[in-house]
Amino acid sequence: MKAYYIVNPRAGRGAGAKLAAELPDRLRTHGLTGEIRTTGGSRDGIRLAREAADAGASVVVAVGGDGTSHEVVNGIAERDTAFGLIPVGSGNDLALALGIPNDLDQAIEILARGHESRIDLGRFDDGWFVNSLGLGFEAQVTIESLKVRGLRGFAIYLWAVVKALRKLRCPHLTIRADEQRLDGRQLLMCVGNGPRVGGGFLLTPGARPADGVFDLCLADAMGRLEVLGVLPKSLDGTHVSNRHISMLQAKIIEIESPDGFPFHADGEVIDEARHRLRIELRPRALRVLVSEAKAKELDGAAAAGAGTITPTR
């Protein structure tokens, strides 16, 4: 296995830098070797991953969080290169979706055993997302989280929620999700390929990354007190029964807004005032290294497929 490891030293508020020094020894313990590259700034992971794929890498491993994974995937998408993950980020939402533990040695052992499957990817503009794309309030929380200093893990996102509530706005959206159409003011929309965002919010608890369909969570326009009433329920996925929440599935989503909306992809802020966006699912577009049990689960989900459901309003 010709492997490249793309390490983000800033991941996990500096945990990536500590791991970079330990990584060669940890890999050797599991019988692994490979080229280790360190990112130096935004989008550097895309360049390094693309260079690794061009050099004939059989697998490129993201050593970092969801942002690092996002960049590595954007560097190897549509290439015959597998994706691996050693999670050391603040949220590690993709790791949850892929069944990769936060324990470093357990994650490395998954790479060593080399069980492979394929998962779906999301396509937007000229980019890709692997776990989720969110807009409206969810994206504003992401924007605020990038400004937080002195906190770690899920606490970052909780504080970001408080900050985002101060800037609460609910843009008018016209949403076409396959044959379904919704029109009105919305608090947020989450397009889930995986179940969790923000390190703890199960906005799309039924989403599976290989079932051939996106799970969508839409929240009607709400005031601050209503948001505070619904938000805690998203920690265990029980928000889906709230009257302000619509859950549906789709493969192609088109969004228009006269007001403009912010949106993120895998926690990376893409735009803060977008008026039109098209999102498309690309089934089984990415090779991934996961545990044997997870590979069987993903392959089973892909074989079973999924149909489109109607809104739960």
C-alpha atoms as a PDB file:
ATOM      1  CA  MET A   1       0.000   0.000   0.000  1.00  0.00           C
ATOM      2  CA  LYS A   2       1.545   3.279  -1.135  1.00  0.00           C
ATOM      3  CA  ALA A   3       0.190   5.672   1.462  1.00  0.00           C
ATOM      4  CA  TYR A   4       0.395   9.405   2.017  1.00  0.00           C
ATOM      5  CA  TYR A   5      -0.598  10.999   5.309  1.00  0.00           C
ATOM      6  CA  ILE A   6      -1.817  14.603   5.149  1.00  0.00           C
ATOM      7  CA  VAL A   7      -1.442  16.067   8.654  1.00  0.00           C
ATOM      8  CA  ASN A   8      -3.121  19.286   9.722  1.00  0.00           C
ATOM      9  CA  PRO A   9      -1.055  20.582  12.681  1.00  0.00           C
ATOM     10  CA  ARG A  10      -3.865  22.957  13.673  1.00  0.00           C
ATOM     11  CA  ALA A  11      -6.501  20.227  13.935  1.00  0.00           C
ATOM     12  CA  GLY A  12      -7.982  19.706  17.383  1.00  0.00           C
ATOM     13  CA  ARG A  13      -6.576  23.014  18.589  1.00  0.00           C
ATOM     14  CA  GLY A  14      -2.997  21.771  18.131  1.00  0.00           C
ATOM     15  CA  ALA A  15      -3.504  18.033  18.645  1.00  0.00           C
ATOM     16  CA  GLY A  16      -2.486  17.513  15.027  1.00  0.00           C
ATOM     17  CA  ALA A  17       0.931  19.081  15.620  1.00  0.00           C
ATOM     18  CA  LYS A  18       1.601  16.744  18.552  1.00  0.00           C
ATOM     19  CA  LEU A  19       0.562  13.713  16.550  1.00  0.00           C
ATOM     20  CA  ALA A  20       2.738  14.702  13.582  1.00  0.00           C
ATOM     21  CA  ALA A  21       5.844  14.093  15.683  1.00  0.00           C
ATOM     22  CA  GLU A  22       4.553  10.735  16.945  1.00  0.00           C
ATOM     23  CA  LEU A  23       3.033   9.469  13.717  1.00  0.00           C
ATOM     24  CA  PRO A  24       6.016   7.622  12.161  1.00  0.00           C
ATOM     25  CA  ASP A  25       6.525   5.508  15.289  1.00  0.00           C
ATOM     26  CA  ARG A  26       2.809   4.868  15.708  1.00  0.00           C
ATOM     27  CA  LEU A  27       2.536   3.729  12.083  1.00  0.00           C
ATOM     28  CA  ARG A  28       5.510   1.395  12.369  1.00  0.00           C
ATOM     29  CA  THR A  29       3.941  -0.218  15.427  1.00  0.00           C
ATOM     30  CA  HIS A  30       1.084  -1.290  13.164  1.00  0.00           C
ATOM     31  CA  GLY A  31       3.336  -2.311  10.278  1.00  0.00           C
ATOM     32  CA  LEU A  32       2.637   0.779   8.202  1.00  0.00           C
ATOM     33  CA  THR A  33       4.865   3.263   6.402  1.00  0.00           C
ATOM     34  CA  GLY A  34       4.291   6.125   4.010  1.00  0.00           C
ATOM     35  CA  GLU A  35       4.965   9.721   3.103  1.00  0.00           C
ATOM     36  CA  ILE A  36       3.911  12.246   5.750  1.00  0.00           C
ATOM     37  CA  ARG A  37       3.033  15.745   4.559  1.00  0.00           C
ATOM     38  CA  THR A  38       1.988  18.687   6.732  1.00  0.00           C
ATOM     39  CA  THR A  39      -0.445  21.384   5.658  1.00  0.00           C
ATOM     40  CA  GLY A  40       0.605  24.989   5.962  1.00  0.00           C
ATOM     41  CA  GLY A  41      -2.658  26.832   5.427  1.00  0.00           C
ATOM     42  CA  SER A  42      -6.160  26.863   3.999  1.00  0.00           C
ATOM     43  CA  ARG A  43      -6.737  24.547   1.012  1.00  0.00           C
ATOM     44  CA  ASP A  44      -3.191  23.201   1.299  1.00  0.00           C
ATOM     45  CA  GLY A  45      -4.653  19.776   1.970  1.00  0.00           C
ATOM     46  CA  ILE A  46      -6.323  19.789  -1.452  1.00  0.00           C
ATOM     47  CA  ARG A  47      -3.006  20.445  -3.175  1.00  0.00           C
ATOM     48  CA  LEU A  48      -1.102  17.866  -1.157  1.00  0.00           C
ATOM     49  CA  ALA A  49      -3.759  15.194  -1.663  1.00  0.00           C
ATOM     50  CA  ARG A  50      -3.883  15.876  -5.397  1.00  0.00           C
ATOM     51  CA  GLU A  51      -0.103  15.647  -5.619  1.00  0.00           C
ATOM     52  CA  ALA A  52      -0.193  12.350  -3.722  1.00  0.00           C
ATOM     53  CA  ALA A  53      -2.801  10.927  -6.097  1.00  0.00           C
ATOM     54  CA  ASP A  54      -0.750  12.099  -9.079  1.00  0.00           C
ATOM     55  CA  ALA A  55       2.274  10.327  -7.564  1.00  0.00           C
ATOM     56  CA  GLY A  56       0.388   7.042  -7.559  1.00  0.00           C
ATOM     57  CA  ALA A  57      -0.808   6.862  -3.960  1.00  0.00           C
ATOM     58  CA  SER A  58      -3.129   3.936  -3.331  1.00  0.00           C
ATOM     59  CA  VAL A  59      -4.507   5.684  -0.238  1.00  0.00           C
ATOM     60  CA  VAL A  60      -4.360   9.239   1.090  1.00  0.00           C
ATOM     61  CA  VAL A  61      -5.062   9.537   4.816  1.00  0.00           C
ATOM     62  CA  ALA A  62      -6.450  12.697   6.392  1.00  0.00           C
ATOM     63  CA  VAL A  63      -4.867  13.226   9.812  1.00  0.00           C
ATOM     64  CA  GLY A  64      -7.072  15.905  11.292  1.00  0.00           C
ATOM     65  CA  GLY A  65     -10.729  16.794  11.599  1.00  0.00           C
ATOM     66  CA  ASP A  66     -13.650  17.293   9.261  1.00  0.00           C
ATOM     67  CA  GLY A  67     -12.002  20.260   7.538  1.00  0.00           C
ATOM     68  CA  THR A  68      -8.889  18.221   6.778  1.00  0.00           C
ATOM     69  CA  SER A  69     -11.047  15.365   5.484  1.00  0.00           C
ATOM     70  CA  HIS A  70     -12.944  17.823   3.298  1.00  0.00           C
ATOM     71  CA  GLU A  71      -9.731  19.050   1.705  1.00  0.00           C
ATOM     72  CA  VAL A  72      -8.265  15.577   1.172  1.00  0.00           C
ATOM     73  CA  VAL A  73     -11.493  14.367  -0.440  1.00  0.00           C
ATOM     74  CA  ASN A  74     -11.524  17.392  -2.730  1.00  0.00           C
ATOM     75  CA  GLY A  75      -7.969  16.491  -3.755  1.00  0.00           C
ATOM     76  CA  ILE A  76      -8.662  12.858  -4.627  1.00  0.00           C
ATOM     77  CA  ALA A  77     -12.299  12.846  -5.775  1.00  0.00           C
ATOM     78  CA  GLU A  78     -12.795  11.246  -9.196  1.00  0.00           C
ATOM     79  CA  ARG A  79      -9.401   9.516  -8.905  1.00  0.00           C
ATOM     80  CA  ASP A  80      -8.638   5.879  -8.229  1.00  0.00           C
ATOM     81  CA  THR A  81      -7.279   6.649  -4.768  1.00  0.00           C
ATOM     82  CA  ALA A  82      -8.736   5.448  -1.478  1.00  0.00           C
ATOM     83  CA  PHE A  83      -9.434   7.722   1.493  1.00  0.00           C
ATOM     84  CA  GLY A  84      -8.330   6.952   5.037  1.00  0.00           C
ATOM     85  CA  LEU A  85      -8.861   8.890   8.253  1.00  0.00           C
ATOM     86  CA  ILE A  86      -7.066   9.322  11.567  1.00  0.00           C
ATOM     87  CA  PRO A  87      -9.413  11.676  13.466  1.00  0.00           C
ATOM     88  CA  VAL A  88      -7.841  14.377  15.641  1.00  0.00           C
ATOM     89  CA  GLY A  89     -10.306  17.209  15.049  1.00  0.00           C
ATOM     90  CA  SER A  90     -12.722  19.121  17.245  1.00  0.00           C
ATOM     91  CA  GLY A  91     -15.899  17.555  15.843  1.00  0.00           C
ATOM     92  CA  ASN A  92     -14.885  14.336  14.028  1.00  0.00           C
ATOM     93  CA  ASP A  93     -18.346  13.948  12.526  1.00  0.00           C
ATOM     94  CA  LEU A  94     -17.119  12.052   9.460  1.00  0.00           C
ATOM     95  CA  ALA A  95     -15.273   9.608  11.711  1.00  0.00           C
ATOM     96  CA  LEU A  96     -18.584   8.821  13.418  1.00  0.00           C
ATOM     97  CA  ALA A  97     -20.280   8.221  10.057  1.00  0.00           C
ATOM     98  CA  LEU A  98     -17.482   5.863   8.995  1.00  0.00           C
ATOM     99  CA  GLY A  99     -17.245   4.045  12.312  1.00  0.00           C
ATOM    100  CA  ILE A 100     -13.671   5.202  12.934  1.00  0.00           C
ATOM    101  CA  PRO A 101     -12.866   5.565  16.655  1.00  0.00           C
ATOM    102  CA  ASN A 102     -11.164   8.634  18.089  1.00  0.00           C
ATOM    103  CA  ASP A 103      -8.571   6.377  19.706  1.00  0.00           C
ATOM    104  CA  LEU A 104      -5.517   6.890  17.485  1.00  0.00           C
ATOM    105  CA  ASP A 105      -4.140   3.368  17.609  1.00  0.00           C
ATOM    106  CA  GLN A 106      -7.544   1.861  16.866  1.00  0.00           C
ATOM    107  CA  ALA A 107      -7.931   4.204  13.906  1.00  0.00           C
ATOM    108  CA  ILE A 108      -4.479   3.278  12.595  1.00  0.00           C
ATOM    109  CA  GLU A 109      -5.253  -0.428  13.002  1.00  0.00           C
ATOM    110  CA  ILE A 110      -8.259   0.041  10.695  1.00  0.00           C
ATOM    111  CA  LEU A 111      -5.857   1.395   8.064  1.00  0.00           C
ATOM    112  CA  ALA A 112      -3.514  -1.545   8.618  1.00  0.00           C
ATOM    113  CA  ARG A 113      -6.272  -4.108   8.102  1.00  0.00           C
ATOM    114  CA  GLY A 114      -7.314  -2.323   4.901  1.00  0.00           C
ATOM    115  CA  HIS A 115     -10.992  -3.260   4.513  1.00  0.00           C
ATOM    116  CA  GLU A 116     -12.418  -1.181   1.693  1.00  0.00           C
ATOM    117  CA  SER A 117     -15.874   0.050   0.749  1.00  0.00           C
ATOM    118  CA  ARG A 118     -17.351   2.966  -1.169  1.00  0.00           C
ATOM    119  CA  ILE A 119     -19.463   5.911  -0.020  1.00  0.00           C
ATOM    120  CA  ASP A 120     -21.486   8.637  -1.683  1.00  0.00           C
ATOM    121  CA  LEU A 121     -20.243  12.183  -2.188  1.00  0.00           C
ATOM    122  CA  GLY A 122     -22.054  15.483  -2.590  1.00  0.00           C
ATOM    123  CA  ARG A 123     -21.233  17.793  -5.493  1.00  0.00           C
ATOM    124  CA  PHE A 124     -21.789  21.570  -5.465  1.00  0.00           C
ATOM    125  CA  ASP A 125     -20.275  24.298  -7.647  1.00  0.00           C
ATOM    126  CA  ASP A 126     -16.828  22.865  -8.468  1.00  0.00           C
ATOM    127  CA  GLY A 127     -16.397  21.252  -5.043  1.00  0.00           C
ATOM    128  CA  TRP A 128     -17.301  18.146  -3.067  1.00  0.00           C
ATOM    129  CA  PHE A 129     -18.555  17.390   0.433  1.00  0.00           C
ATOM    130  CA  VAL A 130     -18.388  14.084   2.220  1.00  0.00           C
ATOM    131  CA  ASN A 131     -20.349  14.438   5.496  1.00  0.00           C
ATOM    132  CA  SER A 132     -22.713  17.406   5.311  1.00  0.00           C
ATOM    133  CA  LEU A 133     -23.583  20.731   3.751  1.00  0.00           C
ATOM    134  CA  GLY A 134     -25.495  23.243   5.824  1.00  0.00           C
ATOM    135  CA  LEU A 135     -26.980  26.666   5.282  1.00  0.00           C
ATOM    136  CA  GLY A 136     -28.710  29.370   7.255  1.00  0.00           C
ATOM    137  CA  PHE A 137     -28.364  29.212  11.046  1.00  0.00           C
ATOM    138  CA  GLU A 138     -26.239  26.048  10.878  1.00  0.00           C
ATOM    139  CA  ALA A 139     -23.729  27.811   8.647  1.00  0.00           C
ATOM    140  CA  GLN A 140     -23.759  30.866  10.916  1.00  0.00           C
ATOM    141  CA  VAL A 141     -22.842  28.604  13.842  1.00  0.00           C
ATOM    142  CA  THR A 142     -19.943  27.285  11.759  1.00  0.00           C
ATOM    143  CA  ILE A 143     -18.806  30.838  11.010  1.00  0.00           C
ATOM    144  CA  GLU A 144     -18.903  31.722  14.705  1.00  0.00           C
ATOM    145  CA  SER A 145     -17.086  28.516  15.698  1.00  0.00           C
ATOM    146  CA  LEU A 146     -14.073  29.544  13.633  1.00  0.00           C
ATOM    147  CA  LYS A 147     -13.721  32.641  15.805  1.00  0.00           C
ATOM    148  CA  VAL A 148     -13.736  30.791  19.144  1.00  0.00           C
ATOM    149  CA  ARG A 149     -10.483  30.677  21.078  1.00  0.00           C
ATOM    150  CA  GLY A 150      -9.624  28.928  24.322  1.00  0.00           C
ATOM    151  CA  LEU A 151     -12.186  26.118  24.051  1.00  0.00           C
ATOM    152  CA  ARG A 152     -11.950  22.578  22.729  1.00  0.00           C
ATOM    153  CA  GLY A 153     -14.247  19.936  21.299  1.00  0.00           C
ATOM    154  CA  PHE A 154     -18.023  20.258  21.498  1.00  0.00           C
ATOM    155  CA  ALA A 155     -17.771  23.318  23.762  1.00  0.00           C
ATOM    156  CA  ILE A 156     -16.618  25.293  20.714  1.00  0.00           C
ATOM    157  CA  TYR A 157     -19.908  24.667  18.942  1.00  0.00           C
ATOM    158  CA  LEU A 158     -22.073  25.321  21.984  1.00  0.00           C
ATOM    159  CA  TRP A 159     -20.473  28.730  22.419  1.00  0.00           C
ATOM    160  CA  ALA A 160     -20.835  29.349  18.670  1.00  0.00           C
ATOM    161  CA  VAL A 161     -24.580  28.661  18.964  1.00  0.00           C
ATOM    162  CA  VAL A 162     -24.863  31.410  21.576  1.00  0.00           C
ATOM    163  CA  LYS A 163     -23.005  33.839  19.331  1.00  0.00           C
ATOM    164  CA  ALA A 164     -25.050  32.886  16.249  1.00  0.00           C
ATOM    165  CA  LEU A 165     -28.338  33.462  18.097  1.00  0.00           C
ATOM    166  CA  ARG A 166     -27.379  37.118  18.467  1.00  0.00           C
ATOM    167  CA  LYS A 167     -27.307  37.390  14.658  1.00  0.00           C
ATOM    168  CA  LEU A 168     -30.378  35.254  14.022  1.00  0.00           C
ATOM    169  CA  ARG A 169     -31.988  35.663  10.609  1.00  0.00           C
ATOM    170  CA  CYS A 170     -34.263  33.384   8.628  1.00  0.00           C
ATOM    171  CA  PRO A 171     -33.951  33.928   4.863  1.00  0.00           C
ATOM    172  CA  HIS A 172     -36.688  33.120   2.394  1.00  0.00           C
ATOM    173  CA  LEU A 173     -35.768  29.934   0.506  1.00  0.00           C
ATOM    174  CA  THR A 174     -37.299  28.155  -2.445  1.00  0.00           C
ATOM    175  CA  ILE A 175     -36.142  24.556  -2.245  1.00  0.00           C
ATOM    176  CA  ARG A 176     -36.605  21.850  -4.851  1.00  0.00           C
ATOM    177  CA  ALA A 177     -35.601  18.418  -3.583  1.00  0.00           C
ATOM    178  CA  ASP A 178     -36.121  15.936  -6.409  1.00  0.00           C
ATOM    179  CA  GLU A 179     -39.878  16.242  -7.070  1.00  0.00           C
ATOM    180  CA  GLN A 180     -40.622  18.052  -3.821  1.00  0.00           C
ATOM    181  CA  ARG A 181     -40.883  21.829  -3.418  1.00  0.00           C
ATOM    182  CA  LEU A 182     -40.811  23.961  -0.280  1.00  0.00           C
ATOM    183  CA  ASP A 183     -41.115  27.723  -0.173  1.00  0.00           C
ATOM    184  CA  GLY A 184     -40.845  30.049   2.797  1.00  0.00           C
ATOM    185  CA  ARG A 185     -38.604  31.460   5.480  1.00  0.00           C
ATOM    186  CA  GLN A 186     -36.279  28.888   6.986  1.00  0.00           C
ATOM    187  CA  LEU A 187     -34.017  28.857  10.031  1.00  0.00           C
ATOM    188  CA  LEU A 188     -31.671  26.262   8.543  1.00  0.00           C
ATOM    189  CA  MET A 189     -31.235  23.433   6.129  1.00  0.00           C
ATOM    190  CA  CYS A 190     -28.824  20.525   6.601  1.00  0.00           C
ATOM    191  CA  VAL A 191     -27.997  18.174   3.748  1.00  0.00           C
ATOM    192  CA  GLY A 192     -26.670  15.079   5.485  1.00  0.00           C
ATOM    193  CA  ASN A 193     -24.560  12.327   4.011  1.00  0.00           C
ATOM    194  CA  GLY A 194     -23.699  11.420   7.602  1.00  0.00           C
ATOM    195  CA  PRO A 195     -25.869  11.742  10.722  1.00  0.00           C
ATOM    196  CA  ARG A 196     -24.016  14.355  12.803  1.00  0.00           C
ATOM    197  CA  VAL A 197     -22.662  17.899  12.497  1.00  0.00           C
ATOM    198  CA  GLY A 198     -20.880  20.219  14.904  1.00  0.00           C
ATOM    199  CA  GLY A 199     -19.441  17.409  16.982  1.00  0.00           C
ATOM    200  CA  GLY A 200     -22.754  16.530  18.626  1.00  0.00           C
ATOM    201  CA  PHE A 201     -25.866  17.641  16.720  1.00  0.00           C
ATOM    202  CA  LEU A 202     -27.697  14.706  15.083  1.00  0.00           C
ATOM    203  CA  LEU A 203     -29.549  16.890  12.603  1.00  0.00           C
ATOM    204  CA  THR A 204     -29.965  14.031  10.121  1.00  0.00           C
ATOM    205  CA  PRO A 205     -29.923  10.988  12.428  1.00  0.00           C
ATOM    206  CA  GLY A 206     -30.993   8.549   9.708  1.00  0.00           C
ATOM    207  CA  ALA A 207     -28.352   9.573   7.163  1.00  0.00           C
ATOM    208  CA  ARG A 208     -25.997   6.845   5.967  1.00  0.00           C
ATOM    209  CA  PRO A 209     -23.050   7.647   3.670  1.00  0.00           C
ATOM    210  CA  ALA A 210     -23.620   4.804   1.211  1.00  0.00           C
ATOM    211  CA  ASP A 211     -27.406   4.557   0.835  1.00  0.00           C
ATOM    212  CA  GLY A 212     -27.609   6.585  -2.375  1.00  0.00           C
ATOM    213  CA  VAL A 213     -29.653   9.482  -1.028  1.00  0.00           C
ATOM    214  CA  PHE A 214     -29.209  12.620   1.080  1.00  0.00           C
ATOM    215  CA  ASP A 215     -31.170  13.100   4.291  1.00  0.00           C
ATOM    216  CA  LEU A 216     -32.419  16.670   4.667  1.00  0.00           C
ATOM    217  CA  CYS A 217     -33.358  18.518   7.831  1.00  0.00           C
ATOM    218  CA  LEU A 218     -35.262  21.788   7.366  1.00  0.00           C
ATOM    219  CA  ALA A 219     -36.269  24.043  10.230  1.00  0.00           C
ATOM    220  CA  ASP A 220     -38.948  26.708   9.829  1.00  0.00           C
ATOM    221  CA  ALA A 221     -38.267  30.287  10.796  1.00  0.00           C
ATOM    222  CA  MET A 222     -38.217  30.614  14.588  1.00  0.00           C
ATOM    223  CA  GLY A 223     -37.451  33.132  17.287  1.00  0.00           C
ATOM    224  CA  ARG A 224     -34.557  32.747  19.693  1.00  0.00           C
ATOM    225  CA  LEU A 225     -36.608  31.131  22.469  1.00  0.00           C
ATOM    226  CA  GLU A 226     -38.090  28.587  20.054  1.00  0.00           C
ATOM    227  CA  VAL A 227     -34.604  27.742  18.774  1.00  0.00           C
ATOM    228  CA  LEU A 228     -33.415  27.175  22.330  1.00  0.00           C
ATOM    229  CA  GLY A 229     -36.387  24.869  22.868  1.00  0.00           C
ATOM    230  CA  VAL A 230     -35.726  22.705  19.808  1.00  0.00           C
ATOM    231  CA  LEU A 231     -31.934  22.700  19.678  1.00  0.00           C
ATOM    232  CA  PRO A 232     -31.260  20.423  22.698  1.00  0.00           C
ATOM    233  CA  LYS A 233     -33.430  17.746  21.073  1.00  0.00           C
ATOM    234  CA  SER A 234     -31.045  17.631  18.118  1.00  0.00           C
ATOM    235  CA  LEU A 235     -28.407  16.161  20.426  1.00  0.00           C
ATOM    236  CA  ASP A 236     -30.238  12.812  20.371  1.00  0.00           C
ATOM    237  CA  GLY A 237     -32.202  13.224  17.137  1.00  0.00           C
ATOM    238  CA  THR A 238     -35.626  13.659  18.751  1.00  0.00           C
ATOM    239  CA  HIS A 239     -36.057  17.075  17.103  1.00  0.00           C
ATOM    240  CA  VAL A 240     -37.367  15.270  14.005  1.00  0.00           C
ATOM    241  CA  SER A 241     -40.861  15.063  15.551  1.00  0.00           C
ATOM    242  CA  ASN A 242     -41.081  18.816  16.231  1.00  0.00           C
ATOM    243  CA  ARG A 243     -43.760  20.666  14.250  1.00  0.00           C
ATOM    244  CA  HIS A 244     -41.181  23.167  12.962  1.00  0.00           C
ATOM    245  CA  ILE A 245     -38.951  20.436  11.493  1.00  0.00           C
ATOM    246  CA  SER A 246     -39.282  18.720   8.115  1.00  0.00           C
ATOM    247  CA  MET A 247     -37.248  15.620   7.258  1.00  0.00           C
ATOM    248  CA  LEU A 248     -37.005  14.385   3.688  1.00  0.00           C
ATOM    249  CA  GLN A 249     -34.667  12.635   1.287  1.00  0.00           C
ATOM    250  CA  ALA A 250     -33.416  13.626  -2.157  1.00  0.00           C
ATOM    251  CA  LYS A 251     -30.589  13.171  -4.617  1.00  0.00           C
ATOM    252  CA  ILE A 252     -30.699  16.588  -6.292  1.00  0.00           C
ATOM    253  CA  ILE A 253     -31.431  19.804  -4.394  1.00  0.00           C
ATOM    254  CA  GLU A 254     -31.794  23.294  -5.862  1.00  0.00           C
ATOM    255  CA  ILE A 255     -32.074  26.352  -3.628  1.00  0.00           C
ATOM    256  CA  GLU A 256     -32.898  29.955  -4.521  1.00  0.00           C
ATOM    257  CA  SER A 257     -33.136  32.912  -2.169  1.00  0.00           C
ATOM    258  CA  PRO A 258     -33.727  36.636  -2.738  1.00  0.00           C
ATOM    259  CA  ASP A 259     -32.225  37.285   0.702  1.00  0.00           C
ATOM    260  CA  GLY A 260     -29.021  35.296   0.337  1.00  0.00           C
ATOM    261  CA  PHE A 261     -27.760  32.691   2.799  1.00  0.00           C
ATOM    262  CA  PRO A 262     -24.442  31.485   4.242  1.00  0.00           C
ATOM    263  CA  PHE A 263     -23.442  27.876   3.681  1.00  0.00           C
ATOM    264  CA  HIS A 264     -20.678  25.495   4.672  1.00  0.00           C
ATOM    265  CA  ALA A 265     -19.453  22.145   3.385  1.00  0.00           C
ATOM    266  CA  ASP A 266     -18.010  19.762   5.997  1.00  0.00           C
ATOM    267  CA  GLY A 267     -17.507  22.709   8.335  1.00  0.00           C
ATOM    268  CA  GLU A 268     -15.650  24.800   5.752  1.00  0.00           C
ATOM    269  CA  VAL A 269     -17.409  28.131   5.082  1.00  0.00           C
ATOM    270  CA  ILE A 270     -17.947  28.442   1.324  1.00  0.00           C
ATOM    271  CA  ASP A 271     -20.076  31.585   1.012  1.00  0.00           C
ATOM    272  CA  GLU A 272     -21.829  34.022   3.333  1.00  0.00           C
ATOM    273  CA  ALA A 273     -24.384  35.460   0.886  1.00  0.00           C
ATOM    274  CA  ARG A 274     -25.325  32.874  -1.746  1.00  0.00           C
ATOM    275  CA  HIS A 275     -28.523  33.313  -3.753  1.00  0.00           C
ATOM    276  CA  ARG A 276     -28.563  30.111  -5.780  1.00  0.00           C
ATOM    277  CA  LEU A 277     -27.117  26.655  -5.115  1.00  0.00           C
ATOM    278  CA  ARG A 278     -27.403  23.232  -6.722  1.00  0.00           C
ATOM    279  CA  ILE A 279     -26.381  20.060  -4.870  1.00  0.00           C
ATOM    280  CA  GLU A 280     -26.157  16.610  -6.419  1.00  0.00           C
ATOM    281  CA  LEU A 281     -25.424  13.197  -4.943  1.00  0.00           C
ATOM    282  CA  ARG A 282     -22.751  11.094  -6.647  1.00  0.00           C
ATOM    283  CA  PRO A 283     -23.306   7.490  -5.511  1.00  0.00           C
ATOM    284  CA  ARG A 284     -20.356   5.384  -4.323  1.00  0.00           C
ATOM    285  CA  ALA A 285     -17.939   7.994  -5.631  1.00  0.00           C
ATOM    286  CA  LEU A 286     -15.232   7.564  -2.968  1.00  0.00           C
ATOM    287  CA  ARG A 287     -13.229   4.517  -1.913  1.00  0.00           C
ATOM    288  CA  VAL A 288     -12.760   4.421   1.865  1.00  0.00           C
ATOM    289  CA  LEU A 289     -10.815   2.284   4.328  1.00  0.00           C
ATOM    290  CA  VAL A 290     -13.005   1.253   7.254  1.00  0.00           C
ATOM    291  CA  SER A 291     -13.409  -1.674   9.635  1.00  0.00           C
ATOM    292  CA  GLU A 292     -14.613  -5.021   8.292  1.00  0.00           C
ATOM    293  CA  ALA A 293     -17.962  -4.591  10.054  1.00  0.00           C
ATOM    294  CA  LYS A 294     -18.444  -1.081   8.698  1.00  0.00           C
ATOM    295  CA  ALA A 295     -17.508  -2.198   5.175  1.00  0.00           C
ATOM    296  CA  LYS A 296     -20.243  -4.845   5.310  1.00  0.00           C
ATOM    297  CA  GLU A 297     -22.715  -2.271   6.646  1.00  0.00           C
ATOM    298  CA  LEU A 298     -21.890   0.244   3.914  1.00  0.00           C
ATOM    299  CA  ASP A 299     -22.032  -2.361   1.168  1.00  0.00           C
ATOM    300  CA  GLY A 300     -25.373  -3.555   2.505  1.00  0.00           C
ATOM    301  CA  ALA A 301     -26.787  -0.021   2.554  1.00  0.00           C
ATOM    302  CA  ALA A 302     -25.628   0.546  -1.012  1.00  0.00           C
ATOM    303  CA  ALA A 303     -27.223  -2.715  -2.163  1.00  0.00           C
ATOM    304  CA  ALA A 304     -30.511  -1.935  -0.428  1.00  0.00           C
ATOM    305  CA  GLY A 305     -30.689   1.598  -1.812  1.00  0.00           C
ATOM    306  CA  ALA A 306     -33.187   4.147  -0.561  1.00  0.00           C
ATOM    307  CA  GLY A 307     -36.321   5.827  -1.821  1.00  0.00           C
ATOM    308  CA  THR A 308     -37.473   9.395  -1.557  1.00  0.00           C
ATOM    309  CA  ILE A 309     -39.774  10.242   1.329  1.00  0.00           C
ATOM    310  CA  THR A 310     -42.151  13.138   1.693  1.00  0.00           C
ATOM    311  CA  PRO A 311     -41.874  16.027   4.157  1.00  0.00           C
ATOM    312  CA  THR A 312     -43.118  15.341   7.684  1.00  0.00           C
ATOM    313  CA  ARG A 313     -45.005  18.604   8.083  1.00  0.00           C
END
